Each structure stands twice: as C-alpha cells, then as structure tokens.
C-alpha atoms as a PDB file:
ATOM      1  CA  UNK A   1       6.242  15.183 -36.759  1.00  0.00           C
ATOM      2  CA  UNK A   2       6.483  15.515 -33.102  1.00  0.00           C
ATOM      3  CA  UNK A   3       9.534  14.054 -31.734  1.00  0.00           C
ATOM      4  CA  UNK A   4      11.123  13.602 -28.308  1.00  0.00           C
ATOM      5  CA  UNK A   5      14.871  12.717 -27.125  1.00  0.00           C
ATOM      6  CA  UNK A   6      15.888   9.759 -24.755  1.00  0.00           C
ATOM      7  CA  UNK A   7      18.027  10.888 -22.359  1.00  0.00           C
ATOM      8  CA  UNK A   8      21.339   9.934 -24.225  1.00  0.00           C
ATOM      9  CA  UNK A   9      20.537  12.159 -26.933  1.00  0.00           C
ATOM     10  CA  UNK A  10      19.572  15.040 -24.605  1.00  0.00           C
ATOM     11  CA  UNK A  11      23.310  14.733 -22.960  1.00  0.00           C
ATOM     12  CA  UNK A  12      25.406  14.349 -26.088  1.00  0.00           C
ATOM     13  CA  UNK A  13      23.551  17.587 -27.510  1.00  0.00           C
ATOM     14  CA  UNK A  14      23.850  19.278 -24.088  1.00  0.00           C
ATOM     15  CA  UNK A  15      27.847  18.282 -24.247  1.00  0.00           C
ATOM     16  CA  UNK A  16      28.297  19.440 -28.022  1.00  0.00           C
ATOM     17  CA  UNK A  17      28.448  15.910 -28.781  1.00  0.00           C
ATOM     18  CA  UNK A  18      25.846  16.263 -31.174  1.00  0.00           C
ATOM     19  CA  UNK A  19      24.740  19.279 -32.869  1.00  0.00           C
ATOM     20  CA  UNK A  20      20.889  19.979 -32.558  1.00  0.00           C
ATOM     21  CA  UNK A  21      20.628  20.652 -35.797  1.00  0.00           C
ATOM     22  CA  UNK A  22      21.878  17.100 -37.346  1.00  0.00           C
ATOM     23  CA  UNK A  23      19.349  15.552 -34.924  1.00  0.00           C
ATOM     24  CA  UNK A  24      16.374  17.664 -35.972  1.00  0.00           C
ATOM     25  CA  UNK A  25      17.069  16.771 -39.582  1.00  0.00           C
ATOM     26  CA  UNK A  26      16.944  12.938 -38.486  1.00  0.00           C
ATOM     27  CA  UNK A  27      13.295  13.543 -37.551  1.00  0.00           C
ATOM     28  CA  UNK A  28      12.559  16.136 -40.675  1.00  0.00           C
ATOM     29  CA  UNK A  29      12.722  19.509 -38.359  1.00  0.00           C
ATOM     30  CA  UNK A  30       9.444  18.301 -36.301  1.00  0.00           C
ATOM     31  CA  UNK A  31       8.673  19.992 -33.323  1.00  0.00           C
ATOM     32  CA  UNK A  32      10.419  18.587 -29.936  1.00  0.00           C
ATOM     33  CA  UNK A  33       8.901  17.913 -26.871  1.00  0.00           C
ATOM     34  CA  UNK A  34      10.412  16.606 -23.432  1.00  0.00           C
ATOM     35  CA  UNK A  35       8.932  13.635 -21.862  1.00  0.00           C
ATOM     36  CA  UNK A  36       8.932  14.180 -17.723  1.00  0.00           C
ATOM     37  CA  UNK A  37      10.872  10.692 -17.547  1.00  0.00           C
ATOM     38  CA  UNK A  38      13.632  12.143 -19.634  1.00  0.00           C
ATOM     39  CA  UNK A  39      13.750  15.232 -17.434  1.00  0.00           C
ATOM     40  CA  UNK A  40      13.946  13.284 -14.183  1.00  0.00           C
ATOM     41  CA  UNK A  41      16.956  11.489 -15.062  1.00  0.00           C
ATOM     42  CA  UNK A  42      18.785  14.202 -16.366  1.00  0.00           C
ATOM     43  CA  UNK A  43      18.481  16.049 -13.513  1.00  0.00           C
ATOM     44  CA  UNK A  44      19.375  13.329 -10.827  1.00  0.00           C
ATOM     45  CA  UNK A  45      22.703  12.485 -12.833  1.00  0.00           C
ATOM     46  CA  UNK A  46      23.242  16.711 -13.314  1.00  0.00           C
ATOM     47  CA  UNK A  47      26.191  18.579 -12.102  1.00  0.00           C
ATOM     48  CA  UNK A  48      24.822  22.214 -10.294  1.00  0.00           C
ATOM     49  CA  UNK A  49      26.254  23.637 -13.788  1.00  0.00           C
ATOM     50  CA  UNK A  50      24.286  21.191 -15.813  1.00  0.00           C
ATOM     51  CA  UNK A  51      21.257  21.019 -14.053  1.00  0.00           C
ATOM     52  CA  UNK A  52      20.551  24.989 -14.780  1.00  0.00           C
ATOM     53  CA  UNK A  53      20.613  23.699 -18.539  1.00  0.00           C
ATOM     54  CA  UNK A  54      18.383  21.125 -17.951  1.00  0.00           C
ATOM     55  CA  UNK A  55      16.278  23.818 -15.927  1.00  0.00           C
ATOM     56  CA  UNK A  56      16.276  25.471 -18.998  1.00  0.00           C
ATOM     57  CA  UNK A  57      15.130  22.700 -20.699  1.00  0.00           C
ATOM     58  CA  UNK A  58      11.910  21.682 -18.787  1.00  0.00           C
ATOM     59  CA  UNK A  59      10.765  25.526 -19.005  1.00  0.00           C
ATOM     60  CA  UNK A  60      11.307  25.539 -22.783  1.00  0.00           C
ATOM     61  CA  UNK A  61       9.875  22.312 -23.897  1.00  0.00           C
ATOM     62  CA  UNK A  62       6.510  21.729 -24.082  1.00  0.00           C
ATOM     63  CA  UNK A  63       5.998  17.764 -22.232  1.00  0.00           C
ATOM     64  CA  UNK A  64       4.535  14.798 -23.810  1.00  0.00           C
ATOM     65  CA  UNK A  65       2.823  12.041 -22.126  1.00  0.00           C
ATOM     66  CA  UNK A  66       0.909   9.509 -22.617  1.00  0.00           C
ATOM     67  CA  UNK A  67      -3.322   9.708 -21.985  1.00  0.00           C
ATOM     68  CA  UNK A  68      -2.885   7.428 -19.086  1.00  0.00           C
ATOM     69  CA  UNK A  69       0.534   7.581 -17.093  1.00  0.00           C
ATOM     70  CA  UNK A  70      -1.555   4.758 -14.958  1.00  0.00           C
ATOM     71  CA  UNK A  71      -2.029   2.575 -17.685  1.00  0.00           C
ATOM     72  CA  UNK A  72       1.424   3.240 -19.171  1.00  0.00           C
ATOM     73  CA  UNK A  73       2.704   2.333 -15.741  1.00  0.00           C
ATOM     74  CA  UNK A  74       0.959  -1.115 -15.732  1.00  0.00           C
ATOM     75  CA  UNK A  75       1.934  -1.987 -19.452  1.00  0.00           C
ATOM     76  CA  UNK A  76       5.228  -1.590 -19.344  1.00  0.00           C
ATOM     77  CA  UNK A  77       5.225  -3.761 -15.904  1.00  0.00           C
ATOM     78  CA  UNK A  78       3.399  -6.244 -17.991  1.00  0.00           C
ATOM     79  CA  UNK A  79       5.929  -5.955 -20.858  1.00  0.00           C
ATOM     80  CA  UNK A  80       9.265  -5.666 -19.088  1.00  0.00           C
ATOM     81  CA  UNK A  81       9.309  -9.185 -18.321  1.00  0.00           C
ATOM     82  CA  UNK A  82       8.518 -10.683 -21.785  1.00  0.00           C
ATOM     83  CA  UNK A  83      10.856  -7.861 -23.778  1.00  0.00           C
ATOM     84  CA  UNK A  84      13.731  -8.095 -20.999  1.00  0.00           C
ATOM     85  CA  UNK A  85      14.199 -11.194 -19.194  1.00  0.00           C
ATOM     86  CA  UNK A  86      17.732 -11.186 -18.830  1.00  0.00           C
ATOM     87  CA  UNK A  87      17.717  -7.454 -17.886  1.00  0.00           C
ATOM     88  CA  UNK A  88      20.417  -7.162 -15.505  1.00  0.00           C
ATOM     89  CA  UNK A  89      23.179  -6.370 -18.034  1.00  0.00           C
ATOM     90  CA  UNK A  90      21.317  -2.832 -18.821  1.00  0.00           C
ATOM     91  CA  UNK A  91      19.381  -2.676 -15.191  1.00  0.00           C
ATOM     92  CA  UNK A  92      15.963  -2.868 -14.653  1.00  0.00           C
ATOM     93  CA  UNK A  93      15.170   0.981 -13.440  1.00  0.00           C
ATOM     94  CA  UNK A  94      16.587   2.087 -16.746  1.00  0.00           C
ATOM     95  CA  UNK A  95      14.664  -0.445 -18.965  1.00  0.00           C
ATOM     96  CA  UNK A  96      11.197   0.025 -17.282  1.00  0.00           C
ATOM     97  CA  UNK A  97      11.831   3.932 -18.004  1.00  0.00           C
ATOM     98  CA  UNK A  98      12.476   2.941 -21.726  1.00  0.00           C
ATOM     99  CA  UNK A  99       9.475   1.033 -21.813  1.00  0.00           C
ATOM    100  CA  UNK A 100       7.598   3.967 -20.547  1.00  0.00           C
ATOM    101  CA  UNK A 101       9.206   6.105 -23.214  1.00  0.00           C
ATOM    102  CA  UNK A 102       8.547   3.543 -25.832  1.00  0.00           C
ATOM    103  CA  UNK A 103       5.041   3.367 -24.752  1.00  0.00           C
ATOM    104  CA  UNK A 104       4.482   7.559 -24.638  1.00  0.00           C
ATOM    105  CA  UNK A 105       5.649   6.552 -28.565  1.00  0.00           C
ATOM    106  CA  UNK A 106       2.951   4.258 -29.299  1.00  0.00           C
ATOM    107  CA  UNK A 107       0.457   6.245 -27.162  1.00  0.00           C
ATOM    108  CA  UNK A 108       1.236   9.795 -28.631  1.00  0.00           C
ATOM    109  CA  UNK A 109       1.885   9.177 -32.103  1.00  0.00           C
ATOM    110  CA  UNK A 110       5.402  10.874 -31.600  1.00  0.00           C
ATOM    111  CA  UNK A 111       9.098   9.426 -32.464  1.00  0.00           C
ATOM    112  CA  UNK A 112      11.240   8.919 -30.134  1.00  0.00           C
ATOM    113  CA  UNK A 113      15.053   9.432 -30.985  1.00  0.00           C
ATOM    114  CA  UNK A 114      17.764   7.716 -29.142  1.00  0.00           C
ATOM    115  CA  UNK A 115      20.717   6.206 -29.077  1.00  0.00           C
ATOM    116  CA  UNK A 116      20.186   2.865 -27.337  1.00  0.00           C
ATOM    117  CA  UNK A 117      20.282  -0.105 -29.563  1.00  0.00           C
ATOM    118  CA  UNK A 118      17.517  -2.047 -26.865  1.00  0.00           C
ATOM    119  CA  UNK A 119      14.642  -0.219 -28.673  1.00  0.00           C
ATOM    120  CA  UNK A 120      15.456  -2.360 -31.571  1.00  0.00           C
ATOM    121  CA  UNK A 121      14.366  -5.024 -29.182  1.00  0.00           C
ATOM    122  CA  UNK A 122      11.649  -3.354 -27.859  1.00  0.00           C
ATOM    123  CA  UNK A 123      10.361  -2.613 -30.874  1.00  0.00           C
ATOM    124  CA  UNK A 124       9.666  -6.217 -31.234  1.00  0.00           C
ATOM    125  CA  UNK A 125       6.897  -6.342 -28.697  1.00  0.00           C
ATOM    126  CA  UNK A 126       5.771  -2.677 -28.968  1.00  0.00           C
ATOM    127  CA  UNK A 127       4.876  -0.857 -31.956  1.00  0.00           C
ATOM    128  CA  UNK A 128       6.268   2.589 -32.118  1.00  0.00           C
ATOM    129  CA  UNK A 129       8.116   5.082 -33.873  1.00  0.00           C
ATOM    130  CA  UNK A 130      12.076   5.281 -33.207  1.00  0.00           C
ATOM    131  CA  UNK A 131      15.228   7.089 -34.809  1.00  0.00           C
ATOM    132  CA  UNK A 132      18.100   5.655 -33.470  1.00  0.00           C
ATOM    133  CA  UNK A 133      21.428   7.615 -33.882  1.00  0.00           C
END
C-alpha cells in the first residue's frame, strides 16, 4: 500500500531520530510518496544544509495529491471548524494542512504516517487510514 509521511516523520528521519526502515516496516514496506504540502512545510523551516536534503526528497519521491486540489481546499474549509472548534492550541494554518493531508489519504487510498495525535480526532470526521508512531 502506498504511504506518505507527515512533516514530523520526515524531520525525525532526516535528523536520524527515526530509522526509515522502522517506519517502512509499520506500513509493510510500501512505496512512499511525498505530499507537496509536506514538501512546502519542510522547505520553509529548513536551514540551508537541511534544505538540500529536502530538495533531494522532492526530486526523488513521486508526489501524491488528491484528484482535485480545489475540492480538497473547499472540503478542508468546511471541515476545519467542525473538527477543530478550539484550534488555538495547535494553530489554524497547521491544522488546515493536516486536514488537506487527511483528505489526500482518503481520496488516494494511501496511508498517512504521522506522530501527531490530533489525526485521531480528525479521523472521527474524515475516513482515512493513518499510522501513528
């Protein structure tokens, strides 16, 4: 099954805090794709040295996207206030991206791998497959 990683997982793999083989074992070694949302989050927070590693990821991994970005953005806007009424503790922009990641997983049938527990709350409203580390 195709898998893609949330930003937190990529950061820990790049830092060496998580072993890629261990993460892949959790998703049965399936092919890994890269969400453009995650690539953007990684690039905007990366140092010059880390940005080179992220650019290698972008060049190496096949992108994963919902069939309609327009539809995903509209659906995210509708879902966000219902799922995360008290969003101040995490931040609306981050949660918006996470809703888009969940919708990507749902629309593509891929597994989203994350360390962020708020995906459990999101799964109550959006049916998608996630592996939480």
